């Protein structure tokens, strides 16, 4: 990608994230975002079709910058969530208001689809790496989609709680949901 294009896109993404910490997402006009980014409104439309597309890119870039890639999911029942799960969730906590809006009832289908896609890819990798037999009787795409939906559902429900529980608590909840029914508290 051309360096100027990348620089403009990053400026727009940064402007959206900065402004979202100052006021509700619904109050962020394209003109305001472009002004904060130091570009004109037509430049916005040269790079993005709408705010939701920018929001999806901004959240993806923020997750990458924070190193908030989902932990390797070893689908082996243990009593503790995988290392890195709390770090993964801290990105959502840092941008809780934006994610509440994006994942909520009037949210962004694009943000939800990208998040589910990322998580589904990680689940597929986790199943392949652990050679789990839990999903032998179904296509891996079905299992990955089901677990991704559960993970996004837990994240969404966690972000809606007030006050927001700590990321370590959310990591425990998420891990319990990934493992499914059963009591894993007594496992090593």
N, C-alpha and C. Protein backbone atom coordinates (compact mmCIF):
# COMPACT_ATOMS: atom_id res chain seq x y z
N UNK A 1 0.84 -1.18 0.00
CA UNK A 1 0.00 0.00 0.00
C UNK A 1 0.89 1.24 0.00
N UNK A 2 0.50 2.22 -0.75
CA UNK A 2 1.21 3.48 -0.84
C UNK A 2 1.35 4.10 0.55
N UNK A 3 2.51 4.67 0.84
CA UNK A 3 2.78 5.23 2.17
C UNK A 3 1.82 6.38 2.50
N UNK A 4 1.45 7.19 1.53
CA UNK A 4 0.53 8.30 1.79
C UNK A 4 -0.86 7.78 2.13
N UNK A 5 -1.28 6.74 1.43
CA UNK A 5 -2.59 6.14 1.70
C UNK A 5 -2.59 5.57 3.12
N UNK A 6 -1.53 4.83 3.45
CA UNK A 6 -1.43 4.23 4.79
C UNK A 6 -1.41 5.31 5.87
N UNK A 7 -0.68 6.39 5.63
CA UNK A 7 -0.60 7.49 6.61
C UNK A 7 -1.98 8.14 6.81
N UNK A 8 -2.71 8.36 5.74
CA UNK A 8 -4.04 8.97 5.85
C UNK A 8 -5.00 8.03 6.57
N UNK A 9 -4.96 6.75 6.22
CA UNK A 9 -5.83 5.79 6.88
C UNK A 9 -5.52 5.72 8.38
N UNK A 10 -4.25 5.70 8.73
CA UNK A 10 -3.88 5.66 10.16
C UNK A 10 -4.32 6.94 10.87
N UNK A 11 -4.19 8.07 10.20
CA UNK A 11 -4.63 9.34 10.81
C UNK A 11 -6.14 9.31 11.07
N UNK A 12 -6.91 8.80 10.13
CA UNK A 12 -8.36 8.70 10.31
C UNK A 12 -8.71 7.72 11.42
N UNK A 13 -8.02 6.58 11.47
CA UNK A 13 -8.27 5.59 12.52
C UNK A 13 -7.95 6.18 13.89
N UNK A 14 -6.80 6.84 14.00
CA UNK A 14 -6.40 7.45 15.27
C UNK A 14 -7.37 8.54 15.70
N UNK A 15 -7.83 9.33 14.74
CA UNK A 15 -8.79 10.39 15.05
C UNK A 15 -10.08 9.80 15.60
N UNK A 16 -10.57 8.75 14.96
CA UNK A 16 -11.81 8.12 15.44
C UNK A 16 -11.63 7.59 16.86
N UNK A 17 -10.54 6.89 17.12
CA UNK A 17 -10.32 6.33 18.47
C UNK A 17 -10.17 7.44 19.51
N UNK A 18 -9.43 8.49 19.17
CA UNK A 18 -9.26 9.60 20.11
C UNK A 18 -10.61 10.27 20.41
N UNK A 19 -11.36 10.57 19.36
CA UNK A 19 -12.65 11.23 19.55
C UNK A 19 -13.62 10.35 20.33
N UNK A 20 -13.55 9.03 20.11
CA UNK A 20 -14.46 8.12 20.80
C UNK A 20 -14.21 8.09 22.30
N UNK A 21 -13.02 8.48 22.73
CA UNK A 21 -12.75 8.57 24.17
C UNK A 21 -13.28 9.88 24.76
N UNK A 22 -13.63 10.83 23.88
CA UNK A 22 -14.11 12.13 24.32
C UNK A 22 -15.63 12.26 24.28
N UNK A 23 -16.27 11.53 23.38
CA UNK A 23 -17.73 11.65 23.21
C UNK A 23 -18.29 10.37 22.61
N UNK A 24 -19.60 10.19 22.69
CA UNK A 24 -20.21 8.97 22.16
C UNK A 24 -19.98 8.82 20.65
N UNK A 25 -19.86 7.59 20.21
CA UNK A 25 -19.62 7.29 18.80
C UNK A 25 -20.68 7.92 17.91
N UNK A 26 -21.93 7.88 18.33
CA UNK A 26 -23.02 8.41 17.50
C UNK A 26 -22.90 9.92 17.26
N UNK A 27 -22.10 10.60 18.06
CA UNK A 27 -21.90 12.04 17.87
C UNK A 27 -20.70 12.35 16.97
N UNK A 28 -20.01 11.33 16.50
CA UNK A 28 -18.81 11.54 15.69
C UNK A 28 -19.19 11.62 14.21
N UNK A 29 -19.18 12.82 13.70
CA UNK A 29 -19.49 13.00 12.27
C UNK A 29 -18.23 12.75 11.45
N UNK A 30 -18.44 12.48 10.20
CA UNK A 30 -17.31 12.28 9.30
C UNK A 30 -16.49 13.56 9.20
N UNK A 31 -17.16 14.70 9.19
CA UNK A 31 -16.45 15.98 9.15
C UNK A 31 -15.55 16.16 10.37
N UNK A 32 -16.07 15.81 11.54
CA UNK A 32 -15.30 15.93 12.78
C UNK A 32 -14.09 15.00 12.77
N UNK A 33 -14.30 13.77 12.32
CA UNK A 33 -13.21 12.80 12.24
C UNK A 33 -12.14 13.29 11.26
N UNK A 34 -12.57 13.75 10.09
CA UNK A 34 -11.63 14.23 9.08
C UNK A 34 -10.85 15.44 9.60
N UNK A 35 -11.55 16.35 10.26
CA UNK A 35 -10.88 17.53 10.82
C UNK A 35 -9.82 17.12 11.83
N UNK A 36 -10.16 16.20 12.74
CA UNK A 36 -9.20 15.74 13.74
C UNK A 36 -7.99 15.05 13.09
N UNK A 37 -8.25 14.36 11.99
CA UNK A 37 -7.18 13.64 11.29
C UNK A 37 -6.32 14.57 10.45
N UNK A 38 -6.79 15.80 10.25
CA UNK A 38 -6.03 16.75 9.43
C UNK A 38 -6.20 16.53 7.94
N UNK A 39 -7.35 15.98 7.56
CA UNK A 39 -7.65 15.77 6.14
C UNK A 39 -9.02 16.36 5.86
N UNK A 40 -9.34 16.48 4.58
CA UNK A 40 -10.68 17.00 4.28
C UNK A 40 -11.67 15.86 4.14
N UNK A 41 -12.93 16.22 4.11
CA UNK A 41 -14.01 15.24 4.07
C UNK A 41 -13.92 14.35 2.83
N UNK A 42 -13.54 14.90 1.71
CA UNK A 42 -13.44 14.08 0.50
C UNK A 42 -12.32 13.05 0.62
N UNK A 43 -11.27 13.38 1.36
CA UNK A 43 -10.21 12.39 1.60
C UNK A 43 -10.73 11.20 2.39
N UNK A 44 -11.63 11.49 3.34
CA UNK A 44 -12.25 10.40 4.09
C UNK A 44 -12.88 9.41 3.12
N UNK A 45 -13.69 9.93 2.20
CA UNK A 45 -14.43 9.07 1.27
C UNK A 45 -13.54 8.41 0.22
N UNK A 46 -12.32 8.90 0.05
CA UNK A 46 -11.38 8.22 -0.84
C UNK A 46 -10.86 6.94 -0.18
N UNK A 47 -10.95 6.88 1.14
CA UNK A 47 -10.40 5.74 1.88
C UNK A 47 -11.46 4.85 2.52
N UNK A 48 -12.60 5.43 2.85
CA UNK A 48 -13.65 4.68 3.56
C UNK A 48 -15.02 5.02 2.99
N UNK A 49 -15.88 4.01 2.97
CA UNK A 49 -17.25 4.21 2.50
C UNK A 49 -18.14 4.84 3.55
N UNK A 50 -17.85 4.53 4.83
CA UNK A 50 -18.67 5.07 5.92
C UNK A 50 -17.91 4.93 7.25
N UNK A 51 -18.53 5.42 8.31
CA UNK A 51 -17.92 5.37 9.65
C UNK A 51 -17.68 3.96 10.14
N UNK A 52 -18.62 3.04 9.85
CA UNK A 52 -18.48 1.67 10.33
C UNK A 52 -17.27 0.97 9.72
N UNK A 53 -17.01 1.24 8.46
CA UNK A 53 -15.82 0.67 7.83
C UNK A 53 -14.56 1.21 8.50
N UNK A 54 -14.54 2.50 8.78
CA UNK A 54 -13.42 3.10 9.51
C UNK A 54 -13.33 2.51 10.91
N UNK A 55 -14.45 2.36 11.58
CA UNK A 55 -14.46 1.79 12.93
C UNK A 55 -13.86 0.39 12.92
N UNK A 56 -14.26 -0.44 11.98
CA UNK A 56 -13.74 -1.81 11.90
C UNK A 56 -12.23 -1.80 11.70
N UNK A 57 -11.74 -0.96 10.79
CA UNK A 57 -10.30 -0.87 10.56
C UNK A 57 -9.57 -0.32 11.79
N UNK A 58 -10.16 0.69 12.44
CA UNK A 58 -9.52 1.29 13.61
C UNK A 58 -9.41 0.29 14.75
N UNK A 59 -10.46 -0.49 14.99
CA UNK A 59 -10.41 -1.49 16.06
C UNK A 59 -9.45 -2.62 15.72
N UNK A 60 -9.40 -3.03 14.46
CA UNK A 60 -8.42 -4.04 14.04
C UNK A 60 -7.00 -3.54 14.25
N UNK A 61 -6.74 -2.31 13.84
CA UNK A 61 -5.40 -1.74 13.99
C UNK A 61 -5.02 -1.57 15.46
N UNK A 62 -5.98 -1.15 16.27
CA UNK A 62 -5.72 -0.99 17.71
C UNK A 62 -5.41 -2.34 18.35
N UNK A 63 -6.14 -3.38 17.95
CA UNK A 63 -5.89 -4.72 18.49
C UNK A 63 -4.50 -5.21 18.08
N UNK A 64 -4.14 -4.99 16.83
CA UNK A 64 -2.82 -5.40 16.37
C UNK A 64 -1.72 -4.63 17.09
N UNK A 65 -1.91 -3.31 17.24
CA UNK A 65 -0.91 -2.49 17.92
C UNK A 65 -0.73 -2.87 19.38
N UNK A 66 -1.81 -3.29 20.02
CA UNK A 66 -1.74 -3.68 21.43
C UNK A 66 -1.25 -5.11 21.60
N UNK A 67 -1.02 -5.78 20.49
CA UNK A 67 -0.64 -7.18 20.58
C UNK A 67 -1.76 -8.02 21.14
N UNK A 68 -2.98 -7.61 20.88
CA UNK A 68 -4.15 -8.27 21.45
C UNK A 68 -4.68 -9.36 20.54
N UNK A 69 -3.77 -10.15 20.05
CA UNK A 69 -4.21 -11.31 19.28
C UNK A 69 -4.72 -12.33 20.27
N UNK A 70 -5.73 -13.04 19.87
CA UNK A 70 -6.29 -14.04 20.78
C UNK A 70 -5.23 -15.08 21.10
N UNK A 71 -5.27 -15.58 22.30
CA UNK A 71 -4.27 -16.59 22.69
C UNK A 71 -4.47 -17.86 21.88
N UNK A 72 -3.40 -18.63 21.79
CA UNK A 72 -3.53 -19.92 21.14
C UNK A 72 -4.49 -20.75 21.96
N UNK A 73 -5.53 -21.21 21.34
CA UNK A 73 -6.54 -21.98 22.06
C UNK A 73 -6.17 -23.46 22.00
N UNK A 74 -5.59 -23.93 23.05
CA UNK A 74 -5.37 -25.36 23.20
C UNK A 74 -6.65 -25.89 23.81
N UNK A 75 -7.42 -26.61 23.05
CA UNK A 75 -8.73 -27.06 23.51
C UNK A 75 -8.60 -28.30 24.40
N UNK A 76 -7.82 -28.13 25.43
CA UNK A 76 -7.59 -29.17 26.41
C UNK A 76 -8.16 -28.66 27.73
N UNK A 77 -9.07 -29.40 28.35
CA UNK A 77 -9.68 -28.90 29.59
C UNK A 77 -8.67 -28.73 30.71
N UNK A 78 -8.47 -27.51 31.11
CA UNK A 78 -7.64 -27.19 32.26
C UNK A 78 -8.43 -26.22 33.12
N UNK A 79 -8.02 -26.09 34.36
CA UNK A 79 -8.74 -25.21 35.26
C UNK A 79 -8.49 -23.74 35.02
N UNK A 80 -7.44 -23.38 34.30
CA UNK A 80 -7.08 -21.98 34.09
C UNK A 80 -7.17 -21.63 32.61
N UNK A 81 -7.57 -20.39 32.32
CA UNK A 81 -7.57 -19.96 30.92
C UNK A 81 -6.15 -19.93 30.37
N UNK A 82 -6.00 -20.06 29.07
CA UNK A 82 -4.66 -19.99 28.47
C UNK A 82 -3.99 -18.66 28.77
N UNK A 83 -2.68 -18.70 28.86
CA UNK A 83 -1.94 -17.45 29.04
C UNK A 83 -2.26 -16.54 27.86
N UNK A 84 -2.41 -15.31 28.11
CA UNK A 84 -2.70 -14.35 27.05
C UNK A 84 -4.17 -14.02 26.88
N UNK A 85 -5.06 -14.83 27.47
CA UNK A 85 -6.48 -14.56 27.29
C UNK A 85 -6.87 -13.24 27.95
N UNK A 86 -6.34 -12.97 29.15
CA UNK A 86 -6.64 -11.70 29.81
C UNK A 86 -6.07 -10.53 29.01
N UNK A 87 -4.89 -10.70 28.44
CA UNK A 87 -4.30 -9.63 27.61
C UNK A 87 -5.17 -9.38 26.38
N UNK A 88 -5.66 -10.44 25.78
CA UNK A 88 -6.57 -10.33 24.64
C UNK A 88 -7.80 -9.52 25.03
N UNK A 89 -8.38 -9.83 26.18
CA UNK A 89 -9.58 -9.13 26.63
C UNK A 89 -9.31 -7.70 27.07
N UNK A 90 -8.09 -7.40 27.48
CA UNK A 90 -7.79 -6.03 27.91
C UNK A 90 -7.96 -5.03 26.77
N UNK A 91 -7.73 -5.46 25.55
CA UNK A 91 -7.97 -4.58 24.40
C UNK A 91 -9.45 -4.17 24.34
N UNK A 92 -10.34 -5.12 24.61
CA UNK A 92 -11.77 -4.83 24.59
C UNK A 92 -12.14 -3.88 25.74
N UNK A 93 -11.52 -4.10 26.90
CA UNK A 93 -11.78 -3.22 28.05
C UNK A 93 -11.29 -1.81 27.76
N UNK A 94 -10.13 -1.69 27.11
CA UNK A 94 -9.58 -0.36 26.78
C UNK A 94 -10.48 0.42 25.83
N UNK A 95 -11.21 -0.27 25.02
CA UNK A 95 -12.10 0.37 24.03
C UNK A 95 -13.55 -0.07 24.27
N UNK A 96 -13.91 -0.21 25.54
CA UNK A 96 -15.20 -0.77 25.92
C UNK A 96 -16.37 -0.02 25.30
N UNK A 97 -16.35 1.30 25.33
CA UNK A 97 -17.48 2.06 24.79
C UNK A 97 -17.68 1.81 23.30
N UNK A 98 -16.59 1.79 22.56
CA UNK A 98 -16.71 1.53 21.12
C UNK A 98 -17.21 0.12 20.86
N UNK A 99 -16.68 -0.84 21.60
CA UNK A 99 -17.13 -2.22 21.40
C UNK A 99 -18.57 -2.41 21.84
N UNK A 100 -18.98 -1.73 22.91
CA UNK A 100 -20.39 -1.81 23.32
C UNK A 100 -21.29 -1.37 22.17
N UNK A 101 -20.92 -0.29 21.56
CA UNK A 101 -21.70 0.24 20.45
C UNK A 101 -21.61 -0.71 19.25
N UNK A 102 -20.42 -1.14 18.91
CA UNK A 102 -20.22 -1.96 17.71
C UNK A 102 -20.84 -3.35 17.83
N UNK A 103 -20.83 -3.92 19.03
CA UNK A 103 -21.35 -5.27 19.22
C UNK A 103 -22.79 -5.28 19.72
N UNK A 104 -23.33 -4.12 20.03
CA UNK A 104 -24.68 -4.02 20.58
C UNK A 104 -25.77 -4.18 19.54
N UNK A 105 -27.01 -4.03 19.96
CA UNK A 105 -28.16 -4.27 19.08
C UNK A 105 -28.21 -3.38 17.84
N UNK A 106 -27.68 -2.17 17.94
CA UNK A 106 -27.64 -1.28 16.76
C UNK A 106 -26.21 -1.11 16.30
N UNK A 107 -25.44 -2.15 16.43
CA UNK A 107 -24.00 -2.11 16.19
C UNK A 107 -23.60 -2.20 14.74
N UNK A 108 -22.38 -2.59 14.57
CA UNK A 108 -21.77 -2.67 13.25
C UNK A 108 -21.63 -4.12 12.82
N UNK A 109 -22.37 -4.49 11.79
CA UNK A 109 -22.29 -5.86 11.27
C UNK A 109 -20.87 -6.15 10.80
N UNK A 110 -20.19 -5.15 10.27
CA UNK A 110 -18.83 -5.33 9.78
C UNK A 110 -17.86 -5.66 10.93
N UNK A 111 -17.96 -4.93 12.04
CA UNK A 111 -17.10 -5.20 13.19
C UNK A 111 -17.37 -6.60 13.73
N UNK A 112 -18.64 -6.96 13.87
CA UNK A 112 -19.00 -8.29 14.38
C UNK A 112 -18.47 -9.37 13.44
N UNK A 113 -18.65 -9.20 12.14
CA UNK A 113 -18.20 -10.21 11.17
C UNK A 113 -16.68 -10.37 11.21
N UNK A 114 -15.97 -9.27 11.30
CA UNK A 114 -14.50 -9.37 11.35
C UNK A 114 -14.04 -10.05 12.63
N UNK A 115 -14.65 -9.69 13.75
CA UNK A 115 -14.27 -10.30 15.02
C UNK A 115 -14.58 -11.79 15.01
N UNK A 116 -15.76 -12.16 14.56
CA UNK A 116 -16.11 -13.58 14.48
C UNK A 116 -15.18 -14.32 13.54
N UNK A 117 -14.81 -13.71 12.44
CA UNK A 117 -13.88 -14.34 11.50
C UNK A 117 -12.51 -14.57 12.10
N UNK A 118 -12.00 -13.58 12.83
CA UNK A 118 -10.70 -13.73 13.49
C UNK A 118 -10.74 -14.85 14.52
N UNK A 119 -11.78 -14.84 15.33
CA UNK A 119 -11.89 -15.85 16.38
C UNK A 119 -12.10 -17.23 15.77
N UNK A 120 -12.90 -17.35 14.74
CA UNK A 120 -13.12 -18.65 14.09
C UNK A 120 -11.82 -19.21 13.53
N UNK A 121 -10.99 -18.35 12.95
CA UNK A 121 -9.68 -18.80 12.43
C UNK A 121 -8.81 -19.33 13.56
N UNK A 122 -8.83 -18.65 14.71
CA UNK A 122 -8.05 -19.11 15.86
C UNK A 122 -8.57 -20.44 16.40
N UNK A 123 -9.88 -20.62 16.38
CA UNK A 123 -10.46 -21.88 16.84
C UNK A 123 -10.03 -23.01 15.91
N UNK A 124 -10.10 -22.77 14.59
CA UNK A 124 -9.67 -23.80 13.64
C UNK A 124 -8.23 -24.20 13.89
N UNK A 125 -7.36 -23.20 14.11
CA UNK A 125 -5.95 -23.49 14.41
C UNK A 125 -5.82 -24.28 15.71
N UNK A 126 -6.60 -23.90 16.72
CA UNK A 126 -6.53 -24.58 18.01
C UNK A 126 -6.96 -26.03 17.92
N UNK A 127 -8.02 -26.28 17.17
CA UNK A 127 -8.49 -27.65 17.01
C UNK A 127 -7.44 -28.47 16.26
N UNK A 128 -6.86 -27.91 15.21
CA UNK A 128 -5.84 -28.62 14.45
C UNK A 128 -4.59 -28.88 15.30
N UNK A 129 -4.19 -27.91 16.09
CA UNK A 129 -2.98 -28.03 16.90
C UNK A 129 -3.14 -29.08 18.00
N UNK A 130 -4.29 -29.13 18.62
CA UNK A 130 -4.49 -30.06 19.74
C UNK A 130 -5.01 -31.41 19.28
N UNK A 131 -5.38 -31.49 18.01
CA UNK A 131 -5.95 -32.72 17.46
C UNK A 131 -7.11 -33.22 18.31
N UNK A 132 -7.91 -32.28 18.75
CA UNK A 132 -9.07 -32.61 19.57
C UNK A 132 -10.05 -33.46 18.77
N UNK A 133 -10.64 -34.44 19.44
CA UNK A 133 -11.65 -35.29 18.79
C UNK A 133 -13.06 -34.80 19.10
N UNK A 134 -13.15 -33.70 19.83
CA UNK A 134 -14.46 -33.18 20.24
C UNK A 134 -15.34 -32.82 19.06
N UNK A 135 -14.72 -32.53 17.92
CA UNK A 135 -15.49 -32.07 16.76
C UNK A 135 -15.37 -33.01 15.57
N UNK A 136 -15.04 -34.27 15.83
CA UNK A 136 -14.85 -35.23 14.74
C UNK A 136 -16.11 -35.45 13.90
N UNK A 137 -17.26 -35.33 14.49
CA UNK A 137 -18.50 -35.64 13.79
C UNK A 137 -19.13 -34.44 13.08
N UNK A 138 -18.39 -33.33 12.99
CA UNK A 138 -18.94 -32.16 12.30
C UNK A 138 -17.83 -31.45 11.53
N UNK A 139 -18.19 -30.71 10.49
CA UNK A 139 -17.17 -29.95 9.77
C UNK A 139 -16.51 -28.92 10.71
N UNK A 140 -15.22 -28.75 10.57
CA UNK A 140 -14.49 -27.82 11.43
C UNK A 140 -15.04 -26.40 11.30
N UNK A 141 -15.55 -26.05 10.13
CA UNK A 141 -16.11 -24.70 9.94
C UNK A 141 -17.33 -24.49 10.84
N UNK A 142 -18.12 -25.54 11.03
CA UNK A 142 -19.30 -25.44 11.89
C UNK A 142 -18.86 -25.29 13.35
N UNK A 143 -17.89 -26.09 13.77
CA UNK A 143 -17.39 -26.00 15.15
C UNK A 143 -16.76 -24.63 15.40
N UNK A 144 -15.96 -24.15 14.45
CA UNK A 144 -15.30 -22.85 14.62
C UNK A 144 -16.32 -21.73 14.68
N UNK A 145 -17.35 -21.79 13.83
CA UNK A 145 -18.39 -20.76 13.85
C UNK A 145 -19.15 -20.78 15.17
N UNK A 146 -19.45 -21.97 15.68
CA UNK A 146 -20.16 -22.08 16.95
C UNK A 146 -19.37 -21.52 18.12
N UNK A 147 -18.11 -21.90 18.20
CA UNK A 147 -17.28 -21.38 19.29
C UNK A 147 -17.03 -19.88 19.13
N UNK A 148 -16.82 -19.42 17.90
CA UNK A 148 -16.62 -17.98 17.68
C UNK A 148 -17.85 -17.20 18.12
N UNK A 149 -19.03 -17.70 17.80
CA UNK A 149 -20.26 -17.03 18.23
C UNK A 149 -20.36 -16.98 19.74
N UNK A 150 -19.99 -18.08 20.41
CA UNK A 150 -20.02 -18.10 21.88
C UNK A 150 -19.02 -17.10 22.46
N UNK A 151 -17.83 -17.07 21.89
CA UNK A 151 -16.79 -16.16 22.40
C UNK A 151 -17.22 -14.71 22.23
N UNK A 152 -17.71 -14.36 21.05
CA UNK A 152 -18.19 -12.98 20.81
C UNK A 152 -19.37 -12.68 21.73
N UNK A 153 -20.22 -13.66 21.96
CA UNK A 153 -21.35 -13.47 22.88
C UNK A 153 -20.91 -13.19 24.30
N UNK A 154 -19.92 -13.92 24.78
CA UNK A 154 -19.40 -13.69 26.13
C UNK A 154 -18.77 -12.31 26.22
N UNK A 155 -17.97 -11.94 25.23
CA UNK A 155 -17.34 -10.62 25.23
C UNK A 155 -18.40 -9.52 25.25
N UNK A 156 -19.42 -9.67 24.42
CA UNK A 156 -20.50 -8.68 24.35
C UNK A 156 -21.21 -8.56 25.69
N UNK A 157 -21.58 -9.69 26.29
CA UNK A 157 -22.30 -9.67 27.57
C UNK A 157 -21.42 -9.09 28.68
N UNK A 158 -20.15 -9.43 28.69
CA UNK A 158 -19.21 -8.90 29.69
C UNK A 158 -19.12 -7.38 29.58
N UNK A 159 -18.99 -6.87 28.35
CA UNK A 159 -18.86 -5.42 28.16
C UNK A 159 -20.10 -4.65 28.58
N UNK A 160 -21.24 -5.31 28.59
CA UNK A 160 -22.49 -4.65 28.98
C UNK A 160 -22.64 -4.51 30.49
N UNK A 161 -21.85 -5.25 31.27
CA UNK A 161 -21.98 -5.19 32.72
C UNK A 161 -21.45 -3.87 33.27
N UNK A 162 -22.12 -3.37 34.28
CA UNK A 162 -21.72 -2.11 34.92
C UNK A 162 -21.74 -2.30 36.42
N UNK A 163 -20.60 -2.22 37.08
CA UNK A 163 -19.29 -1.90 36.53
C UNK A 163 -18.72 -3.09 35.77
N UNK A 164 -17.78 -2.79 34.88
CA UNK A 164 -17.14 -3.81 34.06
C UNK A 164 -16.24 -4.68 34.93
N UNK A 165 -16.54 -5.99 34.99
CA UNK A 165 -15.65 -6.88 35.76
C UNK A 165 -14.23 -6.90 35.18
N UNK A 166 -13.30 -7.24 36.02
CA UNK A 166 -11.89 -7.30 35.64
C UNK A 166 -11.68 -8.29 34.48
N UNK A 167 -10.65 -8.04 33.69
CA UNK A 167 -10.37 -8.91 32.55
C UNK A 167 -10.04 -10.34 32.98
N UNK A 168 -9.46 -10.53 34.15
CA UNK A 168 -9.16 -11.88 34.62
C UNK A 168 -10.45 -12.67 34.88
N UNK A 169 -11.46 -11.99 35.40
CA UNK A 169 -12.76 -12.62 35.62
C UNK A 169 -13.39 -12.97 34.28
N UNK A 170 -13.33 -12.05 33.34
CA UNK A 170 -13.89 -12.30 32.00
C UNK A 170 -13.14 -13.44 31.32
N UNK A 171 -11.83 -13.54 31.52
CA UNK A 171 -11.06 -14.63 30.93
C UNK A 171 -11.53 -15.98 31.48
N UNK A 172 -11.81 -16.03 32.78
CA UNK A 172 -12.34 -17.27 33.38
C UNK A 172 -13.68 -17.63 32.75
N UNK A 173 -14.57 -16.66 32.62
CA UNK A 173 -15.88 -16.91 32.03
C UNK A 173 -15.74 -17.41 30.59
N UNK A 174 -14.89 -16.74 29.84
CA UNK A 174 -14.70 -17.09 28.44
C UNK A 174 -14.15 -18.50 28.31
N UNK A 175 -13.19 -18.84 29.14
CA UNK A 175 -12.59 -20.17 29.08
C UNK A 175 -13.61 -21.26 29.43
N UNK A 176 -14.41 -20.99 30.44
CA UNK A 176 -15.45 -21.95 30.81
C UNK A 176 -16.44 -22.16 29.66
N UNK A 177 -16.76 -21.11 28.95
CA UNK A 177 -17.68 -21.22 27.83
C UNK A 177 -17.04 -22.00 26.68
N UNK A 178 -15.77 -21.75 26.42
CA UNK A 178 -15.07 -22.47 25.34
C UNK A 178 -15.03 -23.96 25.64
N UNK A 179 -14.79 -24.32 26.89
CA UNK A 179 -14.70 -25.74 27.25
C UNK A 179 -16.06 -26.42 27.30
N UNK A 180 -17.11 -25.65 27.44
CA UNK A 180 -18.44 -26.23 27.46
C UNK A 180 -18.85 -26.66 28.85
N UNK A 181 -20.00 -27.33 28.93
CA UNK A 181 -20.50 -27.73 30.24
C UNK A 181 -19.56 -28.71 30.92
N UNK A 182 -19.59 -28.68 32.20
CA UNK A 182 -18.73 -29.55 32.99
C UNK A 182 -17.95 -28.73 33.98
N UNK A 183 -17.44 -29.36 34.96
CA UNK A 183 -16.71 -28.66 36.01
C UNK A 183 -15.22 -28.84 35.80
N UNK A 184 -14.53 -27.77 35.42
CA UNK A 184 -13.09 -27.84 35.19
C UNK A 184 -12.29 -27.29 36.36
N UNK A 185 -12.95 -26.90 37.43
CA UNK A 185 -12.23 -26.28 38.54
C UNK A 185 -11.29 -27.24 39.24
N UNK A 186 -11.55 -28.52 39.15
CA UNK A 186 -10.69 -29.48 39.84
C UNK A 186 -9.58 -30.01 38.97
N UNK A 187 -9.55 -29.63 37.70
CA UNK A 187 -8.50 -30.11 36.80
C UNK A 187 -7.20 -29.37 37.09
N UNK A 188 -6.07 -29.98 36.71
CA UNK A 188 -4.77 -29.33 36.97
C UNK A 188 -4.61 -28.05 36.21
